[in-house]
Amino acid sequence: MGAGGGSVRRVAAALVWVLVLAAAAGGGSVCEAQLRRGYYAGVCPNVESIVRGVVAKKIQQTPTTVGATVRLFFHDCFVEGCDASVMVASTANNTAEKDHPINLSLAGDGFDTVIRARAAVDAAPGCRGKVSCADILAMATRDAIALSGGPSYAVELGRLDGLRSTASSVNGRLPAPFFNLDQLNQMFAANGLSQADMVALSAGHTVGLAHCGTFAARLRGADATLDAGYAAQLAAWCPAGVDPRVAVAMDPVTPVTFDNQFFRNLQAGKGLLASDQVLHTDPRSRPTVDALARSRVAFERAFVDAITKMGRVGVKTAWAQGNVRRDCAVLG
C-alpha cells in the first residue's frame, strides 16, 4: 500500500507539472490572474494620479492625443500582447514594430503621452524603475477616454515590458480598413475577444482620425452603404490626387468626445471605414450596433468590459518574459 501510494503521489505530481506547463504555454489565464488593481500601491501609490495629470495636460495642448493614445494601445496589444513593444525605436540591426508600414500612421501624440508620463512617474520618489511602460500606456488610455467624456474604469496592472519588437511580427495581426465581418471576427477571436467585444471596441474610432488613403476606394467606387451626403463631404475633403496622408475625423458629429455617437453614425451610413460600416450592414452584428447606439449606459458597460479583456492579451508578468524599461523606446 505504501509503495502504491508513492506511485500515486508521483503520478499526481507529474500531472500537476504538466498542467502548469500547459497553462504557461497558453499564457493568457496565468497572466490574467496576475494582473490586478492597485498593483503599485506599495511602491508607487500615486502612479495613477501622476499619469492622469500628464494625460490631462497633453490633451489640453493637443486634443488629438485622445485618439492617438487609444489607437496606440490597440496596436500594441494585438501584436505580441500588451507589452509596449510598439513604443520601441528601430536600430541599425532591427526594424521595430512602429516602423511597419501599417504603424507609420500612428500619431506621435500617443507616443509622446507615454514618454511624458514615464518621465513624470520616474521623477516621483520611490517610483523610478518600478512602473512598466506597458502599464503606463494602459493607464494613459483609460485617462484619455475618461477625460474626453468616456467611461472611467479601474485598470488592471502588473504588465512587464516586452523583450522584443520586430516589424515582421506585425504582419497579419492588425485589421485592414476593408475587412468584412468574418475577417474581423477571426482576428479578434485570435486574441480571445468576441464579436460583441469587437463591436464595442470599434467605438475607439469615435475620437480617431483616418487618412484619406484608407477610405478613398469607397469614394471612387460609389459604395452603396455610404450616405450620399457624407460621401460628397468626404470627396471635398479628400479630392482625387490629394496627399493620402491628409486625415479627417472618423466621427463627423462629436469628433473629440468619447461617446456612442459612432454607432448612430453607422446607422446613418456614416461609418468612415468599410470595416466600420459593415458592423451595421451585416445582420449578424447589426443588433449589437443598434443596442449600443440606443443606450449610452449599455455602450459604456460593454466598452469597459471589452477593453479590460483586451488589456489582458498576451501580457508578460514573469521576469523571464519581460522587464521594466527605463526608456520606453529602448529594449533592455
C-alpha atoms as a PDB file:
ATOM      1  CA  MET A   1       0.000   0.000   0.000  1.00  0.00           C
ATOM      2  CA  GLY A   2       2.859   2.379   0.860  1.00  0.00           C
ATOM      3  CA  ALA A   3       4.577   1.727  -2.476  1.00  0.00           C
ATOM      4  CA  GLY A   4       1.302   2.155  -4.338  1.00  0.00           C
ATOM      5  CA  GLY A   5       0.634   5.418  -2.512  1.00  0.00           C
ATOM      6  CA  GLY A   6       4.065   6.687  -3.510  1.00  0.00           C
ATOM      7  CA  SER A   7       3.339   5.866  -7.140  1.00  0.00           C
ATOM      8  CA  VAL A   8       0.019   7.673  -6.976  1.00  0.00           C
ATOM      9  CA  ARG A   9       1.712  10.718  -5.479  1.00  0.00           C
ATOM     10  CA  ARG A  10       4.378  10.685  -8.189  1.00  0.00           C
ATOM     11  CA  VAL A  11       1.749  10.419 -10.935  1.00  0.00           C
ATOM     12  CA  ALA A  12      -0.288  13.206  -9.330  1.00  0.00           C
ATOM     13  CA  ALA A  13       2.793  15.422  -9.084  1.00  0.00           C
ATOM     14  CA  ALA A  14       3.605  14.732 -12.711  1.00  0.00           C
ATOM     15  CA  LEU A  15       0.063  15.642 -13.743  1.00  0.00           C
ATOM     16  CA  VAL A  16       0.236  18.888 -11.797  1.00  0.00           C
ATOM     17  CA  TRP A  17       3.526  19.749 -13.521  1.00  0.00           C
ATOM     18  CA  VAL A  18       2.017  19.005 -16.946  1.00  0.00           C
ATOM     19  CA  LEU A  19      -0.909  21.293 -16.133  1.00  0.00           C
ATOM     20  CA  VAL A  20       1.453  24.054 -15.035  1.00  0.00           C
ATOM     21  CA  LEU A  21       3.419  23.748 -18.268  1.00  0.00           C
ATOM     22  CA  ALA A  22       0.233  23.754 -20.317  1.00  0.00           C
ATOM     23  CA  ALA A  23      -1.008  26.884 -18.560  1.00  0.00           C
ATOM     24  CA  ALA A  24       2.314  28.597 -19.110  1.00  0.00           C
ATOM     25  CA  ALA A  25       2.238  27.706 -22.776  1.00  0.00           C
ATOM     26  CA  GLY A  26      -1.284  29.096 -23.097  1.00  0.00           C
ATOM     27  CA  GLY A  27      -0.093  32.254 -21.365  1.00  0.00           C
ATOM     28  CA  GLY A  28      -3.454  34.012 -21.110  1.00  0.00           C
ATOM     29  CA  SER A  29      -5.044  32.549 -17.975  1.00  0.00           C
ATOM     30  CA  VAL A  30      -1.852  32.627 -15.914  1.00  0.00           C
ATOM     31  CA  CYS A  31      -1.091  36.220 -16.855  1.00  0.00           C
ATOM     32  CA  GLU A  32      -4.654  37.405 -16.350  1.00  0.00           C
ATOM     33  CA  ALA A  33      -4.648  36.044 -12.819  1.00  0.00           C
ATOM     34  CA  GLN A  34      -1.506  38.019 -12.008  1.00  0.00           C
ATOM     35  CA  LEU A  35      -2.800  41.376 -13.256  1.00  0.00           C
ATOM     36  CA  ARG A  36      -4.617  43.231 -10.519  1.00  0.00           C
ATOM     37  CA  ARG A  37      -5.892  46.601  -9.484  1.00  0.00           C
ATOM     38  CA  GLY A  38      -3.676  48.589  -7.156  1.00  0.00           C
ATOM     39  CA  TYR A  39      -0.584  46.657  -8.254  1.00  0.00           C
ATOM     40  CA  TYR A  40       1.748  49.574  -7.432  1.00  0.00           C
ATOM     41  CA  ALA A  41       0.117  50.582  -4.134  1.00  0.00           C
ATOM     42  CA  GLY A  42       3.149  49.501  -2.118  1.00  0.00           C
ATOM     43  CA  VAL A  43       5.893  51.020  -4.291  1.00  0.00           C
ATOM     44  CA  CYS A  44       4.396  53.941  -6.236  1.00  0.00           C
ATOM     45  CA  PRO A  45       0.996  54.662  -4.695  1.00  0.00           C
ATOM     46  CA  ASN A  46       0.341  57.858  -6.663  1.00  0.00           C
ATOM     47  CA  VAL A  47       1.180  56.460 -10.090  1.00  0.00           C
ATOM     48  CA  GLU A  48      -2.362  56.685 -11.441  1.00  0.00           C
ATOM     49  CA  SER A  49      -2.826  60.313 -10.446  1.00  0.00           C
ATOM     50  CA  ILE A  50       0.614  61.165 -11.881  1.00  0.00           C
ATOM     51  CA  VAL A  51      -0.250  59.611 -15.246  1.00  0.00           C
ATOM     52  CA  ARG A  52      -3.685  61.234 -15.261  1.00  0.00           C
ATOM     53  CA  GLY A  53      -2.162  64.652 -14.693  1.00  0.00           C
ATOM     54  CA  VAL A  54       0.195  64.227 -17.627  1.00  0.00           C
ATOM     55  CA  VAL A  55      -2.581  62.998 -19.906  1.00  0.00           C
ATOM     56  CA  ALA A  56      -4.872  65.878 -18.933  1.00  0.00           C
ATOM     57  CA  LYS A  57      -2.190  68.447 -19.741  1.00  0.00           C
ATOM     58  CA  LYS A  58      -1.340  66.754 -23.036  1.00  0.00           C
ATOM     59  CA  ILE A  59      -4.987  66.649 -24.153  1.00  0.00           C
ATOM     60  CA  GLN A  60      -5.382  70.317 -23.288  1.00  0.00           C
ATOM     61  CA  GLN A  61      -2.432  71.085 -25.535  1.00  0.00           C
ATOM     62  CA  THR A  62      -3.355  68.650 -28.325  1.00  0.00           C
ATOM     63  CA  PRO A  63      -6.907  67.210 -28.403  1.00  0.00           C
ATOM     64  CA  THR A  64      -5.902  64.586 -30.992  1.00  0.00           C
ATOM     65  CA  THR A  65      -3.959  62.940 -28.158  1.00  0.00           C
ATOM     66  CA  VAL A  66      -7.093  61.006 -27.204  1.00  0.00           C
ATOM     67  CA  GLY A  67      -7.494  59.066 -30.432  1.00  0.00           C
ATOM     68  CA  ALA A  68      -3.740  58.697 -30.825  1.00  0.00           C
ATOM     69  CA  THR A  69      -3.328  57.093 -27.394  1.00  0.00           C
ATOM     70  CA  VAL A  70      -6.305  54.755 -27.749  1.00  0.00           C
ATOM     71  CA  ARG A  71      -5.075  53.562 -31.155  1.00  0.00           C
ATOM     72  CA  LEU A  72      -1.546  53.073 -29.835  1.00  0.00           C
ATOM     73  CA  PHE A  73      -2.838  50.782 -27.082  1.00  0.00           C
ATOM     74  CA  PHE A  74      -4.825  48.706 -29.562  1.00  0.00           C
ATOM     75  CA  HIS A  75      -1.882  48.352 -31.947  1.00  0.00           C
ATOM     76  CA  ASP A  76       0.335  47.364 -29.037  1.00  0.00           C
ATOM     77  CA  CYS A  77      -1.955  44.696 -27.608  1.00  0.00           C
ATOM     78  CA  PHE A  78      -2.705  42.970 -30.904  1.00  0.00           C
ATOM     79  CA  VAL A  79       0.990  42.474 -31.719  1.00  0.00           C
ATOM     80  CA  GLU A  80       2.995  40.462 -29.154  1.00  0.00           C
ATOM     81  CA  GLY A  81       0.448  41.368 -26.460  1.00  0.00           C
ATOM     82  CA  CYS A  82       0.104  44.482 -24.278  1.00  0.00           C
ATOM     83  CA  ASP A  83       3.815  44.911 -23.614  1.00  0.00           C
ATOM     84  CA  ALA A  84       4.740  48.363 -25.002  1.00  0.00           C
ATOM     85  CA  SER A  85       6.670  46.721 -27.845  1.00  0.00           C
ATOM     86  CA  VAL A  86       5.070  49.280 -30.172  1.00  0.00           C
ATOM     87  CA  MET A  87       6.989  52.004 -28.325  1.00  0.00           C
ATOM     88  CA  VAL A  88      10.414  50.610 -29.229  1.00  0.00           C
ATOM     89  CA  ALA A  89      12.520  52.538 -31.731  1.00  0.00           C
ATOM     90  CA  SER A  90      14.269  50.794 -34.601  1.00  0.00           C
ATOM     91  CA  THR A  91      18.041  50.391 -34.564  1.00  0.00           C
ATOM     92  CA  ALA A  92      20.651  49.679 -37.201  1.00  0.00           C
ATOM     93  CA  ASN A  93      20.192  45.956 -36.532  1.00  0.00           C
ATOM     94  CA  ASN A  94      16.422  45.794 -36.009  1.00  0.00           C
ATOM     95  CA  THR A  95      13.343  47.291 -37.620  1.00  0.00           C
ATOM     96  CA  ALA A  96      10.832  47.615 -34.802  1.00  0.00           C
ATOM     97  CA  GLU A  97       7.023  47.345 -34.809  1.00  0.00           C
ATOM     98  CA  LYS A  98       6.469  51.090 -35.021  1.00  0.00           C
ATOM     99  CA  ASP A  99       8.204  51.184 -38.419  1.00  0.00           C
ATOM    100  CA  HIS A 100       5.996  48.557 -40.024  1.00  0.00           C
ATOM    101  CA  PRO A 101       4.026  50.274 -42.845  1.00  0.00           C
ATOM    102  CA  ILE A 102       0.675  49.880 -41.050  1.00  0.00           C
ATOM    103  CA  ASN A 103       2.095  51.577 -37.917  1.00  0.00           C
ATOM    104  CA  LEU A 104       3.621  54.558 -39.697  1.00  0.00           C
ATOM    105  CA  SER A 105       0.226  56.254 -39.401  1.00  0.00           C
ATOM    106  CA  LEU A 106       0.292  56.072 -35.582  1.00  0.00           C
ATOM    107  CA  ALA A 107       0.226  59.691 -34.448  1.00  0.00           C
ATOM    108  CA  GLY A 108       3.202  60.964 -32.493  1.00  0.00           C
ATOM    109  CA  ASP A 109       0.948  62.368 -29.766  1.00  0.00           C
ATOM    110  CA  GLY A 110       0.256  58.870 -28.451  1.00  0.00           C
ATOM    111  CA  PHE A 111       3.952  58.076 -28.122  1.00  0.00           C
ATOM    112  CA  ASP A 112       4.643  61.491 -26.596  1.00  0.00           C
ATOM    113  CA  THR A 113       1.956  60.968 -23.968  1.00  0.00           C
ATOM    114  CA  VAL A 114       3.590  57.758 -22.748  1.00  0.00           C
ATOM    115  CA  ILE A 115       7.081  59.276 -22.834  1.00  0.00           C
ATOM    116  CA  ARG A 116       5.957  62.276 -20.774  1.00  0.00           C
ATOM    117  CA  ALA A 117       4.122  60.067 -18.300  1.00  0.00           C
ATOM    118  CA  ARG A 118       7.164  57.793 -17.980  1.00  0.00           C
ATOM    119  CA  ALA A 119       9.323  60.819 -17.078  1.00  0.00           C
ATOM    120  CA  ALA A 120       6.782  62.116 -14.555  1.00  0.00           C
ATOM    121  CA  VAL A 121       6.456  58.735 -12.869  1.00  0.00           C
ATOM    122  CA  ASP A 122      10.222  58.268 -12.648  1.00  0.00           C
ATOM    123  CA  ALA A 123      10.551  61.719 -11.081  1.00  0.00           C
ATOM    124  CA  ALA A 124       8.306  60.728  -8.174  1.00  0.00           C
ATOM    125  CA  PRO A 125      10.057  59.454  -5.004  1.00  0.00           C
ATOM    126  CA  GLY A 126      10.307  55.682  -4.942  1.00  0.00           C
ATOM    127  CA  CYS A 127       8.779  55.208  -8.386  1.00  0.00           C
ATOM    128  CA  ARG A 128      11.828  55.250 -10.636  1.00  0.00           C
ATOM    129  CA  GLY A 129      12.254  51.974 -12.482  1.00  0.00           C
ATOM    130  CA  LYS A 130       9.200  50.431 -10.817  1.00  0.00           C
ATOM    131  CA  VAL A 131       6.362  51.049 -13.305  1.00  0.00           C
ATOM    132  CA  SER A 132       6.364  49.473 -16.750  1.00  0.00           C
ATOM    133  CA  CYS A 133       5.779  51.368 -19.981  1.00  0.00           C
ATOM    134  CA  ALA A 134       3.077  48.805 -20.776  1.00  0.00           C
ATOM    135  CA  ASP A 135       1.139  49.750 -17.652  1.00  0.00           C
ATOM    136  CA  ILE A 136       1.661  53.457 -18.280  1.00  0.00           C
ATOM    137  CA  LEU A 137       0.152  53.043 -21.755  1.00  0.00           C
ATOM    138  CA  ALA A 138      -2.818  51.140 -20.294  1.00  0.00           C
ATOM    139  CA  MET A 139      -3.429  53.855 -17.688  1.00  0.00           C
ATOM    140  CA  ALA A 140      -2.947  56.692 -20.187  1.00  0.00           C
ATOM    141  CA  THR A 141      -5.513  55.074 -22.492  1.00  0.00           C
ATOM    142  CA  ARG A 142      -8.079  54.882 -19.681  1.00  0.00           C
ATOM    143  CA  ASP A 143      -7.413  58.512 -18.758  1.00  0.00           C
ATOM    144  CA  ALA A 144      -7.630  59.747 -22.347  1.00  0.00           C
ATOM    145  CA  ILE A 145     -11.020  58.047 -22.687  1.00  0.00           C
ATOM    146  CA  ALA A 146     -12.359  59.378 -19.384  1.00  0.00           C
ATOM    147  CA  LEU A 147     -11.073  62.914 -19.909  1.00  0.00           C
ATOM    148  CA  SER A 148     -12.813  63.115 -23.285  1.00  0.00           C
ATOM    149  CA  GLY A 149     -16.215  62.201 -21.887  1.00  0.00           C
ATOM    150  CA  GLY A 150     -15.995  58.431 -21.896  1.00  0.00           C
ATOM    151  CA  PRO A 151     -16.196  55.993 -19.003  1.00  0.00           C
ATOM    152  CA  SER A 152     -13.567  55.869 -16.280  1.00  0.00           C
ATOM    153  CA  TYR A 153     -12.686  52.371 -15.175  1.00  0.00           C
ATOM    154  CA  ALA A 154     -10.254  50.544 -12.933  1.00  0.00           C
ATOM    155  CA  VAL A 155      -7.183  49.351 -14.860  1.00  0.00           C
ATOM    156  CA  GLU A 156      -5.636  46.005 -14.050  1.00  0.00           C
ATOM    157  CA  LEU A 157      -1.882  46.434 -13.675  1.00  0.00           C
ATOM    158  CA  GLY A 158       1.226  44.294 -13.418  1.00  0.00           C
ATOM    159  CA  ARG A 159       2.367  44.039 -17.039  1.00  0.00           C
ATOM    160  CA  LEU A 160       6.062  43.866 -17.845  1.00  0.00           C
ATOM    161  CA  ASP A 161       7.590  45.412 -20.961  1.00  0.00           C
ATOM    162  CA  GLY A 162       8.369  43.044 -23.821  1.00  0.00           C
ATOM    163  CA  LEU A 163      11.902  41.999 -24.673  1.00  0.00           C
ATOM    164  CA  ARG A 164      11.488  42.136 -28.446  1.00  0.00           C
ATOM    165  CA  SER A 165       9.918  44.320 -31.118  1.00  0.00           C
ATOM    166  CA  THR A 166      10.096  43.469 -34.805  1.00  0.00           C
ATOM    167  CA  ALA A 167       8.255  44.857 -37.796  1.00  0.00           C
ATOM    168  CA  SER A 168       7.748  41.348 -39.144  1.00  0.00           C
ATOM    169  CA  SER A 169       5.669  40.409 -36.083  1.00  0.00           C
ATOM    170  CA  VAL A 170       3.005  42.929 -37.156  1.00  0.00           C
ATOM    171  CA  ASN A 171       2.154  41.044 -40.342  1.00  0.00           C
ATOM    172  CA  GLY A 172      -1.413  39.752 -40.261  1.00  0.00           C
ATOM    173  CA  ARG A 173      -2.062  40.945 -36.703  1.00  0.00           C
ATOM    174  CA  LEU A 174      -3.994  44.189 -37.312  1.00  0.00           C
ATOM    175  CA  PRO A 175      -7.308  44.648 -39.163  1.00  0.00           C
ATOM    176  CA  ALA A 176      -7.387  46.320 -42.561  1.00  0.00           C
ATOM    177  CA  PRO A 177      -9.919  49.111 -43.276  1.00  0.00           C
ATOM    178  CA  PHE A 178     -11.652  46.923 -45.871  1.00  0.00           C
ATOM    179  CA  PHE A 179     -12.149  43.818 -43.690  1.00  0.00           C
ATOM    180  CA  ASN A 180     -15.558  42.134 -43.666  1.00  0.00           C
ATOM    181  CA  LEU A 181     -17.211  40.798 -40.518  1.00  0.00           C
ATOM    182  CA  ASP A 182     -15.757  37.302 -40.825  1.00  0.00           C
ATOM    183  CA  GLN A 183     -12.228  38.676 -41.147  1.00  0.00           C
ATOM    184  CA  LEU A 184     -12.734  40.986 -38.182  1.00  0.00           C
ATOM    185  CA  ASN A 185     -14.174  38.212 -36.034  1.00  0.00           C
ATOM    186  CA  GLN A 186     -11.314  35.883 -36.901  1.00  0.00           C
ATOM    187  CA  MET A 187      -8.688  38.448 -35.930  1.00  0.00           C
ATOM    188  CA  PHE A 188     -10.360  39.390 -32.648  1.00  0.00           C
ATOM    189  CA  ALA A 189     -11.093  35.763 -31.765  1.00  0.00           C
ATOM    190  CA  ALA A 190      -7.375  35.043 -32.129  1.00  0.00           C
ATOM    191  CA  ASN A 191      -6.933  37.456 -29.205  1.00  0.00           C
ATOM    192  CA  GLY A 192      -9.683  35.948 -27.091  1.00  0.00           C
ATOM    193  CA  LEU A 193     -12.237  38.628 -27.956  1.00  0.00           C
ATOM    194  CA  SER A 194     -15.800  38.006 -29.097  1.00  0.00           C
ATOM    195  CA  GLN A 195     -17.821  39.691 -31.838  1.00  0.00           C
ATOM    196  CA  ALA A 196     -19.575  41.758 -29.158  1.00  0.00           C
ATOM    197  CA  ASP A 197     -16.177  42.836 -27.794  1.00  0.00           C
ATOM    198  CA  MET A 198     -15.039  43.781 -31.287  1.00  0.00           C
ATOM    199  CA  VAL A 199     -18.099  45.925 -31.940  1.00  0.00           C
ATOM    200  CA  ALA A 200     -17.743  47.703 -28.591  1.00  0.00           C
ATOM    201  CA  LEU A 201     -14.019  48.340 -29.112  1.00  0.00           C
ATOM    202  CA  SER A 202     -14.684  49.854 -32.526  1.00  0.00           C
ATOM    203  CA  ALA A 203     -16.021  52.858 -30.601  1.00  0.00           C
ATOM    204  CA  GLY A 204     -12.404  53.924 -30.265  1.00  0.00           C
ATOM    205  CA  HIS A 205     -12.958  55.386 -33.734  1.00  0.00           C
ATOM    206  CA  THR A 206     -15.305  57.979 -32.254  1.00  0.00           C
ATOM    207  CA  VAL A 207     -12.220  60.042 -31.356  1.00  0.00           C
ATOM    208  CA  GLY A 208      -9.962  58.888 -34.170  1.00  0.00           C
ATOM    209  CA  LEU A 209      -8.615  60.258 -37.410  1.00  0.00           C
ATOM    210  CA  ALA A 210      -8.244  58.398 -40.691  1.00  0.00           C
ATOM    211  CA  HIS A 211      -6.035  59.230 -43.637  1.00  0.00           C
ATOM    212  CA  CYS A 212      -7.723  59.776 -46.991  1.00  0.00           C
ATOM    213  CA  GLY A 213      -5.956  56.770 -48.423  1.00  0.00           C
ATOM    214  CA  THR A 214      -7.744  54.384 -46.045  1.00  0.00           C
ATOM    215  CA  PHE A 215     -11.206  55.101 -47.450  1.00  0.00           C
ATOM    216  CA  ALA A 216     -10.545  56.577 -50.917  1.00  0.00           C
ATOM    217  CA  ALA A 217     -11.730  53.380 -52.643  1.00  0.00           C
ATOM    218  CA  ARG A 218     -15.199  53.835 -51.098  1.00  0.00           C
ATOM    219  CA  LEU A 219     -15.491  57.283 -52.665  1.00  0.00           C
ATOM    220  CA  ARG A 220     -14.303  56.232 -56.101  1.00  0.00           C
ATOM    221  CA  GLY A 221     -16.354  53.039 -56.142  1.00  0.00           C
ATOM    222  CA  ALA A 222     -19.785  54.529 -55.343  1.00  0.00           C
ATOM    223  CA  ASP A 223     -20.174  52.441 -52.178  1.00  0.00           C
ATOM    224  CA  ALA A 224     -23.915  51.964 -51.703  1.00  0.00           C
ATOM    225  CA  THR A 225     -23.551  51.614 -47.931  1.00  0.00           C
ATOM    226  CA  LEU A 226     -22.116  55.155 -47.651  1.00  0.00           C
ATOM    227  CA  ASP A 227     -24.558  58.014 -47.131  1.00  0.00           C
ATOM    228  CA  ALA A 228     -24.560  60.169 -50.299  1.00  0.00           C
ATOM    229  CA  GLY A 229     -24.288  63.477 -48.468  1.00  0.00           C
ATOM    230  CA  TYR A 230     -21.447  62.211 -46.314  1.00  0.00           C
ATOM    231  CA  ALA A 231     -19.705  60.816 -49.385  1.00  0.00           C
ATOM    232  CA  ALA A 232     -19.866  64.233 -51.056  1.00  0.00           C
ATOM    233  CA  GLN A 233     -18.415  65.868 -47.962  1.00  0.00           C
ATOM    234  CA  LEU A 234     -15.578  63.339 -47.829  1.00  0.00           C
ATOM    235  CA  ALA A 235     -14.880  63.814 -51.530  1.00  0.00           C
ATOM    236  CA  ALA A 236     -14.489  67.545 -50.918  1.00  0.00           C
ATOM    237  CA  TRP A 237     -12.039  66.918 -48.080  1.00  0.00           C
ATOM    238  CA  CYS A 238     -10.176  64.203 -49.980  1.00  0.00           C
ATOM    239  CA  PRO A 239     -10.343  65.043 -53.688  1.00  0.00           C
ATOM    240  CA  ALA A 240      -8.632  62.876 -56.280  1.00  0.00           C
ATOM    241  CA  GLY A 241      -4.887  63.354 -56.096  1.00  0.00           C
ATOM    242  CA  VAL A 242      -4.871  64.602 -52.514  1.00  0.00           C
ATOM    243  CA  ASP A 243      -1.960  63.597 -50.303  1.00  0.00           C
ATOM    244  CA  PRO A 244      -3.169  60.242 -48.872  1.00  0.00           C
ATOM    245  CA  ARG A 245      -1.721  61.264 -45.501  1.00  0.00           C
ATOM    246  CA  VAL A 246      -4.315  64.025 -45.091  1.00  0.00           C
ATOM    247  CA  ALA A 247      -6.563  62.957 -42.211  1.00  0.00           C
ATOM    248  CA  VAL A 248     -10.210  63.549 -41.365  1.00  0.00           C
ATOM    249  CA  ALA A 249     -12.234  62.880 -38.215  1.00  0.00           C
ATOM    250  CA  MET A 250     -13.794  59.426 -38.100  1.00  0.00           C
ATOM    251  CA  ASP A 251     -16.814  60.762 -36.216  1.00  0.00           C
ATOM    252  CA  PRO A 252     -18.222  63.779 -38.090  1.00  0.00           C
ATOM    253  CA  VAL A 253     -20.666  64.648 -35.287  1.00  0.00           C
ATOM    254  CA  THR A 254     -18.710  64.506 -31.980  1.00  0.00           C
ATOM    255  CA  PRO A 255     -15.077  64.095 -33.105  1.00  0.00           C
ATOM    256  CA  VAL A 256     -13.436  64.953 -29.768  1.00  0.00           C
ATOM    257  CA  THR A 257     -15.946  63.309 -27.423  1.00  0.00           C
ATOM    258  CA  PHE A 258     -15.763  59.659 -26.463  1.00  0.00           C
ATOM    259  CA  ASP A 259     -19.384  58.555 -26.746  1.00  0.00           C
ATOM    260  CA  ASN A 260     -21.740  56.203 -28.579  1.00  0.00           C
ATOM    261  CA  GLN A 261     -22.333  58.627 -31.461  1.00  0.00           C
ATOM    262  CA  PHE A 262     -20.099  56.365 -33.535  1.00  0.00           C
ATOM    263  CA  PHE A 263     -22.835  53.712 -33.572  1.00  0.00           C
ATOM    264  CA  ARG A 264     -25.536  56.199 -34.526  1.00  0.00           C
ATOM    265  CA  ASN A 265     -23.274  57.250 -37.393  1.00  0.00           C
ATOM    266  CA  LEU A 266     -23.193  53.651 -38.596  1.00  0.00           C
ATOM    267  CA  GLN A 267     -26.988  53.539 -38.524  1.00  0.00           C
ATOM    268  CA  ALA A 268     -26.996  56.617 -40.763  1.00  0.00           C
ATOM    269  CA  GLY A 269     -24.472  55.191 -43.255  1.00  0.00           C
ATOM    270  CA  LYS A 270     -21.725  57.449 -41.953  1.00  0.00           C
ATOM    271  CA  GLY A 271     -19.107  54.918 -40.990  1.00  0.00           C
ATOM    272  CA  LEU A 272     -15.878  56.214 -42.468  1.00  0.00           C
ATOM    273  CA  LEU A 273     -14.123  52.880 -42.987  1.00  0.00           C
ATOM    274  CA  ALA A 274     -15.716  49.956 -44.795  1.00  0.00           C
ATOM    275  CA  SER A 275     -14.697  47.783 -41.826  1.00  0.00           C
ATOM    276  CA  ASP A 276     -16.755  50.044 -39.550  1.00  0.00           C
ATOM    277  CA  GLN A 277     -19.848  50.318 -41.733  1.00  0.00           C
ATOM    278  CA  VAL A 278     -20.000  46.553 -42.163  1.00  0.00           C
ATOM    279  CA  LEU A 279     -20.816  46.262 -38.456  1.00  0.00           C
ATOM    280  CA  HIS A 280     -24.244  47.703 -39.253  1.00  0.00           C
ATOM    281  CA  THR A 281     -24.806  46.380 -42.751  1.00  0.00           C
ATOM    282  CA  ASP A 282     -24.099  42.794 -41.721  1.00  0.00           C
ATOM    283  CA  PRO A 283     -27.247  41.442 -39.975  1.00  0.00           C
ATOM    284  CA  ARG A 284     -25.146  39.358 -37.589  1.00  0.00           C
ATOM    285  CA  SER A 285     -23.604  42.390 -35.857  1.00  0.00           C
ATOM    286  CA  ARG A 286     -26.333  44.978 -36.514  1.00  0.00           C
ATOM    287  CA  PRO A 287     -28.311  44.188 -33.323  1.00  0.00           C
ATOM    288  CA  THR A 288     -25.239  44.964 -31.202  1.00  0.00           C
ATOM    289  CA  VAL A 289     -24.649  48.243 -33.043  1.00  0.00           C
ATOM    290  CA  ASP A 290     -28.302  49.211 -32.559  1.00  0.00           C
ATOM    291  CA  ALA A 291     -28.199  48.358 -28.855  1.00  0.00           C
ATOM    292  CA  LEU A 292     -25.057  50.425 -28.235  1.00  0.00           C
ATOM    293  CA  ALA A 293     -26.446  53.322 -30.290  1.00  0.00           C
ATOM    294  CA  ARG A 294     -29.640  53.269 -28.238  1.00  0.00           C
ATOM    295  CA  SER A 295     -28.122  53.271 -24.754  1.00  0.00           C
ATOM    296  CA  ARG A 296     -25.040  55.105 -23.563  1.00  0.00           C
ATOM    297  CA  VAL A 297     -25.128  53.084 -20.337  1.00  0.00           C
ATOM    298  CA  ALA A 298     -25.080  49.817 -22.290  1.00  0.00           C
ATOM    299  CA  PHE A 299     -22.314  51.163 -24.508  1.00  0.00           C
ATOM    300  CA  GLU A 300     -20.079  52.181 -21.621  1.00  0.00           C
ATOM    301  CA  ARG A 301     -20.601  48.873 -19.845  1.00  0.00           C
ATOM    302  CA  ALA A 302     -19.782  46.898 -22.980  1.00  0.00           C
ATOM    303  CA  PHE A 303     -16.760  49.038 -23.817  1.00  0.00           C
ATOM    304  CA  VAL A 304     -15.230  48.811 -20.337  1.00  0.00           C
ATOM    305  CA  ASP A 305     -15.661  45.041 -20.316  1.00  0.00           C
ATOM    306  CA  ALA A 306     -14.102  44.719 -23.774  1.00  0.00           C
ATOM    307  CA  ILE A 307     -11.104  46.995 -23.204  1.00  0.00           C
ATOM    308  CA  THR A 308     -10.401  45.295 -19.881  1.00  0.00           C
ATOM    309  CA  LYS A 309     -10.292  41.961 -21.699  1.00  0.00           C
ATOM    310  CA  MET A 310      -8.106  43.435 -24.423  1.00  0.00           C
ATOM    311  CA  GLY A 311      -5.706  44.735 -21.771  1.00  0.00           C
ATOM    312  CA  ARG A 312      -5.003  41.128 -20.752  1.00  0.00           C
ATOM    313  CA  VAL A 313      -3.950  39.965 -24.215  1.00  0.00           C
ATOM    314  CA  GLY A 314      -0.521  38.361 -24.241  1.00  0.00           C
ATOM    315  CA  VAL A 315       0.734  40.191 -21.155  1.00  0.00           C
ATOM    316  CA  LYS A 316       4.097  39.340 -19.640  1.00  0.00           C
ATOM    317  CA  THR A 317       4.187  39.012 -15.862  1.00  0.00           C
ATOM    318  CA  ALA A 318       7.224  36.779 -15.334  1.00  0.00           C
ATOM    319  CA  TRP A 319      10.732  38.269 -15.384  1.00  0.00           C
ATOM    320  CA  ALA A 320      11.810  35.685 -17.938  1.00  0.00           C
ATOM    321  CA  GLN A 321       9.257  37.239 -20.302  1.00  0.00           C
ATOM    322  CA  GLY A 322       9.839  40.946 -19.737  1.00  0.00           C
ATOM    323  CA  ASN A 323      11.245  43.780 -17.674  1.00  0.00           C
ATOM    324  CA  VAL A 324      10.655  47.440 -16.780  1.00  0.00           C
ATOM    325  CA  ARG A 325      12.233  49.708 -19.355  1.00  0.00           C
ATOM    326  CA  ARG A 326      13.760  52.960 -18.136  1.00  0.00           C
ATOM    327  CA  ASP A 327      13.406  54.290 -21.677  1.00  0.00           C
ATOM    328  CA  CYS A 328      10.221  53.041 -23.349  1.00  0.00           C
ATOM    329  CA  ALA A 329      11.871  53.287 -26.775  1.00  0.00           C
ATOM    330  CA  VAL A 330      14.893  51.136 -25.911  1.00  0.00           C
ATOM    331  CA  LEU A 331      14.913  47.402 -25.262  1.00  0.00           C
ATOM    332  CA  GLY A 332      16.910  46.250 -22.289  1.00  0.00           C
END
